[in-house]
């Protein structure tokens, strides 16, 4: 009976610690990695960080212009999400991707970009999803 109770307490403790580890914890913007702060200052000079969090994968923050950014533990961006109404600035997107989108989808803007294993996944304001290599070469689309 004592061993069963001890075993159940240990399982409960492991579950609680695992859940707390998976949660995002709010942090002050000053605690973002140097690389992340530099990227924000250079790419979104007029924007301010209104919310920042840290989790086991890295960091996330929301800017006052509505753009959400995600960074790995070293502070390199992994995802930028502007929403349907907020288009990402060309300066944060690979030049070849910008050129492709402006040529093929002149009425659309890039609202989201994410780094993946193959390269970049790009979402347009027209709801198209495009895939590009890390060199900016188009490799496919989803409707």
C-alpha atoms as a PDB file:
ATOM      1  CA  UNK A   1       0.000   0.000   0.000  1.00  0.00           C
ATOM      2  CA  UNK A   2       2.784   2.447   0.881  1.00  0.00           C
ATOM      3  CA  UNK A   3       4.647   1.612  -2.308  1.00  0.00           C
ATOM      4  CA  UNK A   4       1.520   2.189  -4.395  1.00  0.00           C
ATOM      5  CA  UNK A   5       0.899   5.532  -2.722  1.00  0.00           C
ATOM      6  CA  UNK A   6       4.545   6.564  -3.238  1.00  0.00           C
ATOM      7  CA  UNK A   7       4.363   5.477  -6.886  1.00  0.00           C
ATOM      8  CA  UNK A   8       1.180   7.516  -7.472  1.00  0.00           C
ATOM      9  CA  UNK A   9       2.705  10.596  -5.840  1.00  0.00           C
ATOM     10  CA  UNK A  10       5.778  10.288  -8.053  1.00  0.00           C
ATOM     11  CA  UNK A  11       3.625   9.972 -11.190  1.00  0.00           C
ATOM     12  CA  UNK A  12       1.616  13.024 -10.167  1.00  0.00           C
ATOM     13  CA  UNK A  13       4.796  15.025  -9.514  1.00  0.00           C
ATOM     14  CA  UNK A  14       6.192  14.088 -12.930  1.00  0.00           C
ATOM     15  CA  UNK A  15       2.953  15.090 -14.651  1.00  0.00           C
ATOM     16  CA  UNK A  16       2.856  18.466 -12.888  1.00  0.00           C
ATOM     17  CA  UNK A  17       6.487  19.204 -13.739  1.00  0.00           C
ATOM     18  CA  UNK A  18       5.976  18.176 -17.369  1.00  0.00           C
ATOM     19  CA  UNK A  19       2.947  20.442 -17.681  1.00  0.00           C
ATOM     20  CA  UNK A  20       4.739  23.386 -16.146  1.00  0.00           C
ATOM     21  CA  UNK A  21       7.711  22.828 -18.465  1.00  0.00           C
ATOM     22  CA  UNK A  22       5.452  22.884 -21.539  1.00  0.00           C
ATOM     23  CA  UNK A  23       3.811  26.174 -20.605  1.00  0.00           C
ATOM     24  CA  UNK A  24       4.955  29.553 -21.827  1.00  0.00           C
ATOM     25  CA  UNK A  25       6.216  31.825 -19.111  1.00  0.00           C
ATOM     26  CA  UNK A  26       5.918  35.605 -19.471  1.00  0.00           C
ATOM     27  CA  UNK A  27       9.227  37.466 -19.438  1.00  0.00           C
ATOM     28  CA  UNK A  28      10.200  41.125 -19.769  1.00  0.00           C
ATOM     29  CA  UNK A  29      11.173  42.082 -23.339  1.00  0.00           C
ATOM     30  CA  UNK A  30      14.673  42.888 -22.085  1.00  0.00           C
ATOM     31  CA  UNK A  31      15.199  39.153 -21.384  1.00  0.00           C
ATOM     32  CA  UNK A  32      14.833  38.189 -25.041  1.00  0.00           C
ATOM     33  CA  UNK A  33      18.135  36.983 -26.548  1.00  0.00           C
ATOM     34  CA  UNK A  34      20.430  39.655 -27.987  1.00  0.00           C
ATOM     35  CA  UNK A  35      19.919  38.309 -31.520  1.00  0.00           C
ATOM     36  CA  UNK A  36      16.126  38.556 -31.174  1.00  0.00           C
ATOM     37  CA  UNK A  37      16.269  42.111 -29.796  1.00  0.00           C
ATOM     38  CA  UNK A  38      18.633  43.146 -32.613  1.00  0.00           C
ATOM     39  CA  UNK A  39      16.344  41.617 -35.241  1.00  0.00           C
ATOM     40  CA  UNK A  40      13.305  43.426 -33.835  1.00  0.00           C
ATOM     41  CA  UNK A  41      15.168  46.744 -33.609  1.00  0.00           C
ATOM     42  CA  UNK A  42      16.488  46.446 -37.190  1.00  0.00           C
ATOM     43  CA  UNK A  43      13.394  45.000 -38.887  1.00  0.00           C
ATOM     44  CA  UNK A  44      10.570  46.595 -36.897  1.00  0.00           C
ATOM     45  CA  UNK A  45      12.212  49.825 -35.717  1.00  0.00           C
ATOM     46  CA  UNK A  46       8.959  51.642 -34.932  1.00  0.00           C
ATOM     47  CA  UNK A  47       7.322  48.707 -33.140  1.00  0.00           C
ATOM     48  CA  UNK A  48       7.475  47.927 -29.453  1.00  0.00           C
ATOM     49  CA  UNK A  49       7.281  44.522 -27.795  1.00  0.00           C
ATOM     50  CA  UNK A  50       4.006  44.335 -25.858  1.00  0.00           C
ATOM     51  CA  UNK A  51       4.235  40.703 -24.754  1.00  0.00           C
ATOM     52  CA  UNK A  52       7.125  38.234 -24.525  1.00  0.00           C
ATOM     53  CA  UNK A  53       7.217  34.617 -23.383  1.00  0.00           C
ATOM     54  CA  UNK A  54       9.747  31.828 -22.963  1.00  0.00           C
ATOM     55  CA  UNK A  55       9.057  28.115 -23.305  1.00  0.00           C
ATOM     56  CA  UNK A  56      11.101  24.966 -23.850  1.00  0.00           C
ATOM     57  CA  UNK A  57      11.479  25.650 -27.609  1.00  0.00           C
ATOM     58  CA  UNK A  58      12.534  29.271 -27.401  1.00  0.00           C
ATOM     59  CA  UNK A  59      10.857  32.656 -27.266  1.00  0.00           C
ATOM     60  CA  UNK A  60       7.779  34.368 -28.642  1.00  0.00           C
ATOM     61  CA  UNK A  61       6.676  37.975 -28.653  1.00  0.00           C
ATOM     62  CA  UNK A  62       3.926  40.208 -29.944  1.00  0.00           C
ATOM     63  CA  UNK A  63       4.647  43.654 -31.303  1.00  0.00           C
ATOM     64  CA  UNK A  64       2.327  46.635 -30.961  1.00  0.00           C
ATOM     65  CA  UNK A  65       1.745  46.530 -34.750  1.00  0.00           C
ATOM     66  CA  UNK A  66       0.042  43.123 -34.392  1.00  0.00           C
ATOM     67  CA  UNK A  67       2.928  40.978 -35.638  1.00  0.00           C
ATOM     68  CA  UNK A  68       3.792  37.834 -33.676  1.00  0.00           C
ATOM     69  CA  UNK A  69       7.390  36.608 -33.752  1.00  0.00           C
ATOM     70  CA  UNK A  70       8.884  33.302 -32.667  1.00  0.00           C
ATOM     71  CA  UNK A  71      12.579  32.695 -32.008  1.00  0.00           C
ATOM     72  CA  UNK A  72      14.656  29.637 -31.209  1.00  0.00           C
ATOM     73  CA  UNK A  73      16.713  29.485 -28.005  1.00  0.00           C
ATOM     74  CA  UNK A  74      19.587  31.380 -29.682  1.00  0.00           C
ATOM     75  CA  UNK A  75      17.305  34.228 -30.796  1.00  0.00           C
ATOM     76  CA  UNK A  76      17.066  33.406 -34.515  1.00  0.00           C
ATOM     77  CA  UNK A  77      13.559  33.933 -35.871  1.00  0.00           C
ATOM     78  CA  UNK A  78      11.609  30.802 -36.762  1.00  0.00           C
ATOM     79  CA  UNK A  79       8.190  32.287 -37.544  1.00  0.00           C
ATOM     80  CA  UNK A  80       6.648  35.679 -38.238  1.00  0.00           C
ATOM     81  CA  UNK A  81       2.873  36.060 -38.315  1.00  0.00           C
ATOM     82  CA  UNK A  82       1.180  39.283 -39.284  1.00  0.00           C
ATOM     83  CA  UNK A  83      -2.439  38.095 -39.551  1.00  0.00           C
ATOM     84  CA  UNK A  84      -4.700  38.572 -42.548  1.00  0.00           C
ATOM     85  CA  UNK A  85      -4.697  42.381 -42.292  1.00  0.00           C
ATOM     86  CA  UNK A  86      -1.034  42.912 -41.396  1.00  0.00           C
ATOM     87  CA  UNK A  87       1.451  42.281 -44.193  1.00  0.00           C
ATOM     88  CA  UNK A  88       5.067  41.607 -43.236  1.00  0.00           C
ATOM     89  CA  UNK A  89       7.598  44.181 -44.462  1.00  0.00           C
ATOM     90  CA  UNK A  90       9.685  43.152 -47.496  1.00  0.00           C
ATOM     91  CA  UNK A  91      12.857  43.752 -45.488  1.00  0.00           C
ATOM     92  CA  UNK A  92      12.256  40.628 -43.365  1.00  0.00           C
ATOM     93  CA  UNK A  93      11.618  38.276 -46.297  1.00  0.00           C
ATOM     94  CA  UNK A  94      14.177  36.774 -48.683  1.00  0.00           C
ATOM     95  CA  UNK A  95      14.409  39.096 -51.756  1.00  0.00           C
ATOM     96  CA  UNK A  96      13.709  36.243 -54.216  1.00  0.00           C
ATOM     97  CA  UNK A  97      10.520  35.353 -52.352  1.00  0.00           C
ATOM     98  CA  UNK A  98       9.359  38.985 -52.395  1.00  0.00           C
ATOM     99  CA  UNK A  99      10.020  39.202 -56.124  1.00  0.00           C
ATOM    100  CA  UNK A 100       8.150  35.953 -56.826  1.00  0.00           C
ATOM    101  CA  UNK A 101       5.117  37.024 -54.788  1.00  0.00           C
ATOM    102  CA  UNK A 102       4.988  40.503 -56.369  1.00  0.00           C
ATOM    103  CA  UNK A 103       5.202  38.973 -59.850  1.00  0.00           C
ATOM    104  CA  UNK A 104       2.775  36.047 -59.447  1.00  0.00           C
ATOM    105  CA  UNK A 105       0.409  37.513 -56.826  1.00  0.00           C
ATOM    106  CA  UNK A 106       0.548  41.312 -57.257  1.00  0.00           C
ATOM    107  CA  UNK A 107      -2.557  41.936 -55.139  1.00  0.00           C
ATOM    108  CA  UNK A 108      -1.345  39.796 -52.238  1.00  0.00           C
ATOM    109  CA  UNK A 109       1.105  40.396 -49.459  1.00  0.00           C
ATOM    110  CA  UNK A 110       3.000  38.005 -47.228  1.00  0.00           C
ATOM    111  CA  UNK A 111       1.192  37.650 -43.921  1.00  0.00           C
ATOM    112  CA  UNK A 112       3.171  34.755 -42.458  1.00  0.00           C
ATOM    113  CA  UNK A 113       6.543  33.114 -42.983  1.00  0.00           C
ATOM    114  CA  UNK A 114       7.941  30.115 -41.158  1.00  0.00           C
ATOM    115  CA  UNK A 115      11.271  28.319 -41.366  1.00  0.00           C
ATOM    116  CA  UNK A 116      10.978  24.572 -41.841  1.00  0.00           C
ATOM    117  CA  UNK A 117      13.162  21.615 -42.750  1.00  0.00           C
ATOM    118  CA  UNK A 118      12.859  22.264 -46.490  1.00  0.00           C
ATOM    119  CA  UNK A 119      13.003  26.035 -46.387  1.00  0.00           C
ATOM    120  CA  UNK A 120      10.269  28.621 -45.978  1.00  0.00           C
ATOM    121  CA  UNK A 121       6.514  28.215 -45.772  1.00  0.00           C
ATOM    122  CA  UNK A 122       4.828  31.466 -46.794  1.00  0.00           C
ATOM    123  CA  UNK A 123       1.172  32.418 -46.362  1.00  0.00           C
ATOM    124  CA  UNK A 124      -0.305  35.183 -48.491  1.00  0.00           C
ATOM    125  CA  UNK A 125      -3.172  37.545 -47.721  1.00  0.00           C
ATOM    126  CA  UNK A 126      -5.035  35.763 -50.541  1.00  0.00           C
ATOM    127  CA  UNK A 127      -4.809  32.588 -48.405  1.00  0.00           C
ATOM    128  CA  UNK A 128      -2.362  30.810 -50.727  1.00  0.00           C
ATOM    129  CA  UNK A 129       0.406  28.841 -49.035  1.00  0.00           C
ATOM    130  CA  UNK A 130       3.717  28.753 -50.887  1.00  0.00           C
ATOM    131  CA  UNK A 131       6.926  26.836 -50.245  1.00  0.00           C
ATOM    132  CA  UNK A 132      10.430  28.061 -51.023  1.00  0.00           C
ATOM    133  CA  UNK A 133      13.946  26.731 -50.502  1.00  0.00           C
ATOM    134  CA  UNK A 134      16.276  28.608 -48.168  1.00  0.00           C
ATOM    135  CA  UNK A 135      17.769  30.169 -51.315  1.00  0.00           C
ATOM    136  CA  UNK A 136      14.355  31.627 -52.228  1.00  0.00           C
ATOM    137  CA  UNK A 137      13.501  29.200 -55.058  1.00  0.00           C
ATOM    138  CA  UNK A 138       9.799  28.388 -55.411  1.00  0.00           C
ATOM    139  CA  UNK A 139       9.065  24.677 -54.849  1.00  0.00           C
ATOM    140  CA  UNK A 140       5.273  24.412 -54.499  1.00  0.00           C
ATOM    141  CA  UNK A 141       1.942  25.760 -53.341  1.00  0.00           C
ATOM    142  CA  UNK A 142      -1.221  24.705 -51.534  1.00  0.00           C
ATOM    143  CA  UNK A 143      -4.592  26.346 -52.055  1.00  0.00           C
END
